């Protein structure tokens, strides 16, 4: 999560505090519980760029500036 903030990776936080981060350079998606523990980490759609980005875009939450959201 520190890298997401440092590099300004697309980030969302939902109403339950789940943090979702997408790395477009690697097409990797990760979600983390409010306490920072990993919830899931993988490449949606095998890392196919357009589908992976669309998957992140559909996730719930808002993009906070504090974690580098767009």
PDB file of N, CA and C in Angstrom:
ATOM      1  N   UNK A   1       0.824  -1.193   0.000  1.00  0.00           N
ATOM      2  CA  UNK A   1       0.000   0.000   0.000  1.00  0.00           C
ATOM      3  C   UNK A   1       0.866   1.253   0.000  1.00  0.00           C
ATOM      4  N   UNK A   2       2.029   1.175   0.609  1.00  0.00           N
ATOM      5  CA  UNK A   2       2.927   2.320   0.598  1.00  0.00           C
ATOM      6  C   UNK A   2       3.365   2.681  -0.805  1.00  0.00           C
ATOM      7  N   UNK A   3       3.610   1.664  -1.628  1.00  0.00           N
ATOM      8  CA  UNK A   3       3.994   1.900  -3.020  1.00  0.00           C
ATOM      9  C   UNK A   3       2.858   2.571  -3.780  1.00  0.00           C
ATOM     10  N   UNK A   4       1.623   2.177  -3.482  1.00  0.00           N
ATOM     11  CA  UNK A   4       0.469   2.784  -4.150  1.00  0.00           C
ATOM     12  C   UNK A   4       0.435   4.279  -3.883  1.00  0.00           C
ATOM     13  N   UNK A   5       0.700   4.656  -2.648  1.00  0.00           N
ATOM     14  CA  UNK A   5       0.705   6.069  -2.293  1.00  0.00           C
ATOM     15  C   UNK A   5       1.883   6.778  -2.954  1.00  0.00           C
ATOM     16  N   UNK A   6       3.061   6.186  -2.878  1.00  0.00           N
ATOM     17  CA  UNK A   6       4.259   6.814  -3.429  1.00  0.00           C
ATOM     18  C   UNK A   6       4.182   6.987  -4.944  1.00  0.00           C
ATOM     19  N   UNK A   7       3.599   6.007  -5.625  1.00  0.00           N
ATOM     20  CA  UNK A   7       3.550   6.036  -7.089  1.00  0.00           C
ATOM     21  C   UNK A   7       2.232   6.555  -7.638  1.00  0.00           C
ATOM     22  N   UNK A   8       1.278   6.861  -6.768  1.00  0.00           N
ATOM     23  CA  UNK A   8      -0.008   7.381  -7.223  1.00  0.00           C
ATOM     24  C   UNK A   8      -0.842   6.371  -7.981  1.00  0.00           C
ATOM     25  N   UNK A   9      -0.779   5.094  -7.566  1.00  0.00           N
ATOM     26  CA  UNK A   9      -1.571   4.058  -8.239  1.00  0.00           C
ATOM     27  C   UNK A   9      -3.059   4.279  -8.003  1.00  0.00           C
ATOM     28  N   UNK A  10      -3.913   3.928  -8.959  1.00  0.00           N
ATOM     29  CA  UNK A  10      -5.357   4.049  -8.774  1.00  0.00           C
ATOM     30  C   UNK A  10      -5.804   3.269  -7.533  1.00  0.00           C
ATOM     31  N   UNK A  11      -6.522   3.958  -6.656  1.00  0.00           N
ATOM     32  CA  UNK A  11      -6.909   3.404  -5.359  1.00  0.00           C
ATOM     33  C   UNK A  11      -8.356   3.759  -5.059  1.00  0.00           C
ATOM     34  N   UNK A  12      -9.065   2.837  -4.404  1.00  0.00           N
ATOM     35  CA  UNK A  12     -10.435   3.088  -3.953  1.00  0.00           C
ATOM     36  C   UNK A  12     -10.585   2.557  -2.534  1.00  0.00           C
ATOM     37  N   UNK A  13     -11.414   3.235  -1.745  1.00  0.00           N
ATOM     38  CA  UNK A  13     -11.769   2.753  -0.413  1.00  0.00           C
ATOM     39  C   UNK A  13     -13.285   2.717  -0.344  1.00  0.00           C
ATOM     40  N   UNK A  14     -13.844   1.559   0.075  1.00  0.00           N
ATOM     41  CA  UNK A  14     -15.300   1.459   0.151  1.00  0.00           C
ATOM     42  C   UNK A  14     -15.799   1.802   1.555  1.00  0.00           C
ATOM     43  N   UNK A  15     -17.104   1.728   1.752  1.00  0.00           N
ATOM     44  CA  UNK A  15     -17.726   2.122   3.015  1.00  0.00           C
ATOM     45  C   UNK A  15     -17.335   1.224   4.184  1.00  0.00           C
ATOM     46  N   UNK A  16     -16.821   0.031   3.906  1.00  0.00           N
ATOM     47  CA  UNK A  16     -16.376  -0.875   4.968  1.00  0.00           C
ATOM     48  C   UNK A  16     -14.886  -0.720   5.251  1.00  0.00           C
ATOM     49  N   UNK A  17     -14.226   0.191   4.554  1.00  0.00           N
ATOM     50  CA  UNK A  17     -12.805   0.421   4.755  1.00  0.00           C
ATOM     51  C   UNK A  17     -11.905  -0.470   3.931  1.00  0.00           C
ATOM     52  N   UNK A  18     -12.488  -1.263   3.011  1.00  0.00           N
ATOM     53  CA  UNK A  18     -11.685  -2.117   2.136  1.00  0.00           C
ATOM     54  C   UNK A  18     -10.981  -1.223   1.113  1.00  0.00           C
ATOM     55  N   UNK A  19      -9.674  -1.407   1.001  1.00  0.00           N
ATOM     56  CA  UNK A  19      -8.849  -0.616   0.095  1.00  0.00           C
ATOM     57  C   UNK A  19      -8.556  -1.458  -1.137  1.00  0.00           C
ATOM     58  N   UNK A  20      -8.823  -0.906  -2.307  1.00  0.00           N
ATOM     59  CA  UNK A  20      -8.565  -1.609  -3.566  1.00  0.00           C
ATOM     60  C   UNK A  20      -7.552  -0.806  -4.371  1.00  0.00           C
ATOM     61  N   UNK A  21      -6.537  -1.502  -4.871  1.00  0.00           N
ATOM     62  CA  UNK A  21      -5.459  -0.844  -5.607  1.00  0.00           C
ATOM     63  C   UNK A  21      -5.244  -1.577  -6.923  1.00  0.00           C
ATOM     64  N   UNK A  22      -5.050  -0.809  -7.990  1.00  0.00           N
ATOM     65  CA  UNK A  22      -4.781  -1.383  -9.305  1.00  0.00           C
ATOM     66  C   UNK A  22      -3.455  -0.832  -9.817  1.00  0.00           C
ATOM     67  N   UNK A  23      -2.576  -1.713 -10.254  1.00  0.00           N
ATOM     68  CA  UNK A  23      -1.299  -1.303 -10.841  1.00  0.00           C
ATOM     69  C   UNK A  23      -1.393  -1.501 -12.348  1.00  0.00           C
ATOM     70  N   UNK A  24      -1.585  -0.422 -13.114  1.00  0.00           N
ATOM     71  CA  UNK A  24      -1.739  -0.561 -14.559  1.00  0.00           C
ATOM     72  C   UNK A  24      -0.471  -1.042 -15.264  1.00  0.00           C
ATOM     73  N   UNK A  25       0.692  -0.856 -14.659  1.00  0.00           N
ATOM     74  CA  UNK A  25       1.936  -1.310 -15.287  1.00  0.00           C
ATOM     75  C   UNK A  25       2.022  -2.832 -15.325  1.00  0.00           C
ATOM     76  N   UNK A  26       1.441  -3.482 -14.306  1.00  0.00           N
ATOM     77  CA  UNK A  26       1.488  -4.950 -14.233  1.00  0.00           C
ATOM     78  C   UNK A  26       0.106  -5.574 -14.364  1.00  0.00           C
ATOM     79  N   UNK A  27      -0.937  -4.730 -14.451  1.00  0.00           N
ATOM     80  CA  UNK A  27      -2.332  -5.189 -14.513  1.00  0.00           C
ATOM     81  C   UNK A  27      -2.670  -6.084 -13.328  1.00  0.00           C
ATOM     82  N   UNK A  28      -2.200  -5.667 -12.152  1.00  0.00           N
ATOM     83  CA  UNK A  28      -2.408  -6.416 -10.920  1.00  0.00           C
ATOM     84  C   UNK A  28      -3.396  -5.677 -10.036  1.00  0.00           C
ATOM     85  N   UNK A  29      -4.310  -6.430  -9.420  1.00  0.00           N
ATOM     86  CA  UNK A  29      -5.337  -5.895  -8.533  1.00  0.00           C
ATOM     87  C   UNK A  29      -5.108  -6.455  -7.132  1.00  0.00           C
ATOM     88  N   UNK A  30      -5.166  -5.597  -6.147  1.00  0.00           N
ATOM     89  CA  UNK A  30      -5.068  -6.057  -4.768  1.00  0.00           C
ATOM     90  C   UNK A  30      -6.125  -5.380  -3.930  1.00  0.00           C
ATOM     91  N   UNK A  31      -6.666  -6.107  -2.971  1.00  0.00           N
ATOM     92  CA  UNK A  31      -7.571  -5.479  -2.016  1.00  0.00           C
ATOM     93  C   UNK A  31      -7.086  -5.826  -0.620  1.00  0.00           C
ATOM     94  N   UNK A  32      -7.283  -4.872   0.278  1.00  0.00           N
ATOM     95  CA  UNK A  32      -6.747  -4.978   1.629  1.00  0.00           C
ATOM     96  C   UNK A  32      -7.825  -4.581   2.622  1.00  0.00           C
ATOM     97  N   UNK A  33      -7.869  -5.283   3.743  1.00  0.00           N
ATOM     98  CA  UNK A  33      -8.804  -4.952   4.810  1.00  0.00           C
ATOM     99  C   UNK A  33      -8.395  -3.622   5.434  1.00  0.00           C
ATOM    100  N   UNK A  34      -9.300  -3.031   6.199  1.00  0.00           N
ATOM    101  CA  UNK A  34      -9.042  -1.739   6.823  1.00  0.00           C
ATOM    102  C   UNK A  34      -7.796  -1.767   7.709  1.00  0.00           C
ATOM    103  N   UNK A  35      -7.465  -2.937   8.267  1.00  0.00           N
ATOM    104  CA  UNK A  35      -6.278  -3.043   9.125  1.00  0.00           C
ATOM    105  C   UNK A  35      -4.993  -3.265   8.332  1.00  0.00           C
ATOM    106  N   UNK A  36      -5.089  -3.284   6.991  1.00  0.00           N
ATOM    107  CA  UNK A  36      -3.920  -3.423   6.136  1.00  0.00           C
ATOM    108  C   UNK A  36      -3.587  -4.844   5.721  1.00  0.00           C
ATOM    109  N   UNK A  37      -4.298  -5.833   6.260  1.00  0.00           N
ATOM    110  CA  UNK A  37      -4.032  -7.212   5.863  1.00  0.00           C
ATOM    111  C   UNK A  37      -4.571  -7.465   4.458  1.00  0.00           C
ATOM    112  N   UNK A  38      -3.876  -8.331   3.728  1.00  0.00           N
ATOM    113  CA  UNK A  38      -4.262  -8.629   2.353  1.00  0.00           C
ATOM    114  C   UNK A  38      -5.561  -9.408   2.312  1.00  0.00           C
ATOM    115  N   UNK A  39      -6.460  -8.955   1.487  1.00  0.00           N
ATOM    116  CA  UNK A  39      -7.739  -9.631   1.274  1.00  0.00           C
ATOM    117  C   UNK A  39      -7.664 -10.498   0.019  1.00  0.00           C
ATOM    118  N   UNK A  40      -7.132  -9.934  -1.063  1.00  0.00           N
ATOM    119  CA  UNK A  40      -6.926 -10.670  -2.314  1.00  0.00           C
ATOM    120  C   UNK A  40      -5.878  -9.942  -3.145  1.00  0.00           C
ATOM    121  N   UNK A  41      -5.206 -10.698  -4.012  1.00  0.00           N
ATOM    122  CA  UNK A  41      -4.166 -10.118  -4.855  1.00  0.00           C
ATOM    123  C   UNK A  41      -4.017 -11.002  -6.085  1.00  0.00           C
ATOM    124  N   UNK A  42      -4.286 -10.463  -7.265  1.00  0.00           N
ATOM    125  CA  UNK A  42      -4.214 -11.271  -8.486  1.00  0.00           C
ATOM    126  C   UNK A  42      -4.300 -10.388  -9.724  1.00  0.00           C
ATOM    127  N   UNK A  43      -4.193 -11.017 -10.892  1.00  0.00           N
ATOM    128  CA  UNK A  43      -4.333 -10.332 -12.176  1.00  0.00           C
ATOM    129  C   UNK A  43      -5.685 -10.712 -12.769  1.00  0.00           C
ATOM    130  N   UNK A  44      -6.665  -9.799 -12.708  1.00  0.00           N
ATOM    131  CA  UNK A  44      -7.969 -10.118 -13.282  1.00  0.00           C
ATOM    132  C   UNK A  44      -7.866 -10.361 -14.786  1.00  0.00           C
ATOM    133  N   UNK A  45      -8.631 -11.305 -15.252  1.00  0.00           N
ATOM    134  CA  UNK A  45      -8.667 -11.648 -16.683  1.00  0.00           C
ATOM    135  C   UNK A  45      -7.271 -11.967 -17.214  1.00  0.00           C
ATOM    136  N   UNK A  46      -6.457 -12.609 -16.394  1.00  0.00           N
ATOM    137  CA  UNK A  46      -5.114 -12.984 -16.817  1.00  0.00           C
ATOM    138  C   UNK A  46      -4.202 -11.798 -17.085  1.00  0.00           C
ATOM    139  N   UNK A  47      -4.578 -10.633 -16.588  1.00  0.00           N
ATOM    140  CA  UNK A  47      -3.767  -9.435 -16.776  1.00  0.00           C
ATOM    141  C   UNK A  47      -3.982  -8.734 -18.101  1.00  0.00           C
ATOM    142  N   UNK A  48      -5.037  -9.114 -18.827  1.00  0.00           N
ATOM    143  CA  UNK A  48      -5.341  -8.423 -20.087  1.00  0.00           C
ATOM    144  C   UNK A  48      -5.681  -6.967 -19.753  1.00  0.00           C
ATOM    145  N   UNK A  49      -4.882  -5.996 -20.234  1.00  0.00           N
ATOM    146  CA  UNK A  49      -4.977  -4.617 -19.776  1.00  0.00           C
ATOM    147  C   UNK A  49      -6.365  -3.986 -19.766  1.00  0.00           C
ATOM    148  N   UNK A  50      -7.081  -3.996 -20.863  1.00  0.00           N
ATOM    149  CA  UNK A  50      -8.384  -3.320 -20.904  1.00  0.00           C
ATOM    150  C   UNK A  50      -9.382  -3.969 -19.964  1.00  0.00           C
ATOM    151  N   UNK A  51      -9.387  -5.292 -19.904  1.00  0.00           N
ATOM    152  CA  UNK A  51     -10.324  -5.986 -19.023  1.00  0.00           C
ATOM    153  C   UNK A  51      -9.944  -5.796 -17.560  1.00  0.00           C
ATOM    154  N   UNK A  52      -8.644  -5.808 -17.263  1.00  0.00           N
ATOM    155  CA  UNK A  52      -8.194  -5.630 -15.881  1.00  0.00           C
ATOM    156  C   UNK A  52      -8.547  -4.227 -15.385  1.00  0.00           C
ATOM    157  N   UNK A  53      -8.329  -3.211 -16.216  1.00  0.00           N
ATOM    158  CA  UNK A  53      -8.691  -1.841 -15.841  1.00  0.00           C
ATOM    159  C   UNK A  53     -10.193  -1.723 -15.646  1.00  0.00           C
ATOM    160  N   UNK A  54     -10.975  -2.306 -16.534  1.00  0.00           N
ATOM    161  CA  UNK A  54     -12.433  -2.261 -16.416  1.00  0.00           C
ATOM    162  C   UNK A  54     -12.890  -2.948 -15.135  1.00  0.00           C
ATOM    163  N   UNK A  55     -12.229  -4.033 -14.758  1.00  0.00           N
ATOM    164  CA  UNK A  55     -12.559  -4.734 -13.514  1.00  0.00           C
ATOM    165  C   UNK A  55     -12.360  -3.789 -12.326  1.00  0.00           C
ATOM    166  N   UNK A  56     -11.225  -3.101 -12.283  1.00  0.00           N
ATOM    167  CA  UNK A  56     -10.977  -2.153 -11.198  1.00  0.00           C
ATOM    168  C   UNK A  56     -12.020  -1.042 -11.209  1.00  0.00           C
ATOM    169  N   UNK A  57     -12.325  -0.519 -12.374  1.00  0.00           N
ATOM    170  CA  UNK A  57     -13.290   0.575 -12.496  1.00  0.00           C
ATOM    171  C   UNK A  57     -14.661   0.196 -11.944  1.00  0.00           C
ATOM    172  N   UNK A  58     -15.034  -1.070 -12.031  1.00  0.00           N
ATOM    173  CA  UNK A  58     -16.345  -1.527 -11.540  1.00  0.00           C
ATOM    174  C   UNK A  58     -16.380  -1.743 -10.027  1.00  0.00           C
ATOM    175  N   UNK A  59     -15.249  -1.741  -9.373  1.00  0.00           N
ATOM    176  CA  UNK A  59     -15.206  -2.011  -7.941  1.00  0.00           C
ATOM    177  C   UNK A  59     -15.826  -0.858  -7.159  1.00  0.00           C
ATOM    178  N   UNK A  60     -16.443  -1.179  -6.017  1.00  0.00           N
ATOM    179  CA  UNK A  60     -17.036  -0.122  -5.204  1.00  0.00           C
ATOM    180  C   UNK A  60     -15.962   0.722  -4.531  1.00  0.00           C
ATOM    181  N   UNK A  61     -16.349   1.918  -4.158  1.00  0.00           N
ATOM    182  CA  UNK A  61     -15.455   2.785  -3.403  1.00  0.00           C
ATOM    183  C   UNK A  61     -15.166   4.084  -4.124  1.00  0.00           C
ATOM    184  N   UNK A  62     -14.516   4.958  -3.382  1.00  0.00           N
ATOM    185  CA  UNK A  62     -14.120   6.260  -3.902  1.00  0.00           C
ATOM    186  C   UNK A  62     -12.607   6.334  -3.940  1.00  0.00           C
ATOM    187  N   UNK A  63     -12.088   7.191  -4.787  1.00  0.00           N
ATOM    188  CA  UNK A  63     -10.642   7.356  -4.933  1.00  0.00           C
ATOM    189  C   UNK A  63     -10.154   8.473  -4.019  1.00  0.00           C
ATOM    190  N   UNK A  64      -9.513   8.112  -2.920  1.00  0.00           N
ATOM    191  CA  UNK A  64      -9.030   9.138  -1.986  1.00  0.00           C
ATOM    192  C   UNK A  64      -7.690   9.703  -2.432  1.00  0.00           C
ATOM    193  N   UNK A  65      -7.494  10.980  -2.261  1.00  0.00           N
ATOM    194  CA  UNK A  65      -6.217  11.594  -2.614  1.00  0.00           C
ATOM    195  C   UNK A  65      -5.089  11.098  -1.722  1.00  0.00           C
ATOM    196  N   UNK A  66      -5.383  10.764  -0.470  1.00  0.00           N
ATOM    197  CA  UNK A  66      -4.328  10.377   0.451  1.00  0.00           C
ATOM    198  C   UNK A  66      -3.633   9.088   0.060  1.00  0.00           C
ATOM    199  N   UNK A  67      -4.255   8.231  -0.720  1.00  0.00           N
ATOM    200  CA  UNK A  67      -3.611   7.003  -1.157  1.00  0.00           C
ATOM    201  C   UNK A  67      -3.235   7.046  -2.631  1.00  0.00           C
ATOM    202  N   UNK A  68      -3.283   8.202  -3.210  1.00  0.00           N
ATOM    203  CA  UNK A  68      -2.833   8.321  -4.587  1.00  0.00           C
ATOM    204  C   UNK A  68      -3.881   8.044  -5.640  1.00  0.00           C
ATOM    205  N   UNK A  69      -5.151   8.114  -5.275  1.00  0.00           N
ATOM    206  CA  UNK A  69      -6.194   7.873  -6.265  1.00  0.00           C
ATOM    207  C   UNK A  69      -6.189   8.929  -7.346  1.00  0.00           C
ATOM    208  N   UNK A  70      -6.798   8.625  -8.480  1.00  0.00           N
ATOM    209  CA  UNK A  70      -6.807   9.592  -9.589  1.00  0.00           C
ATOM    210  C   UNK A  70      -7.609  10.844  -9.277  1.00  0.00           C
TER     211      UNK A  70
END
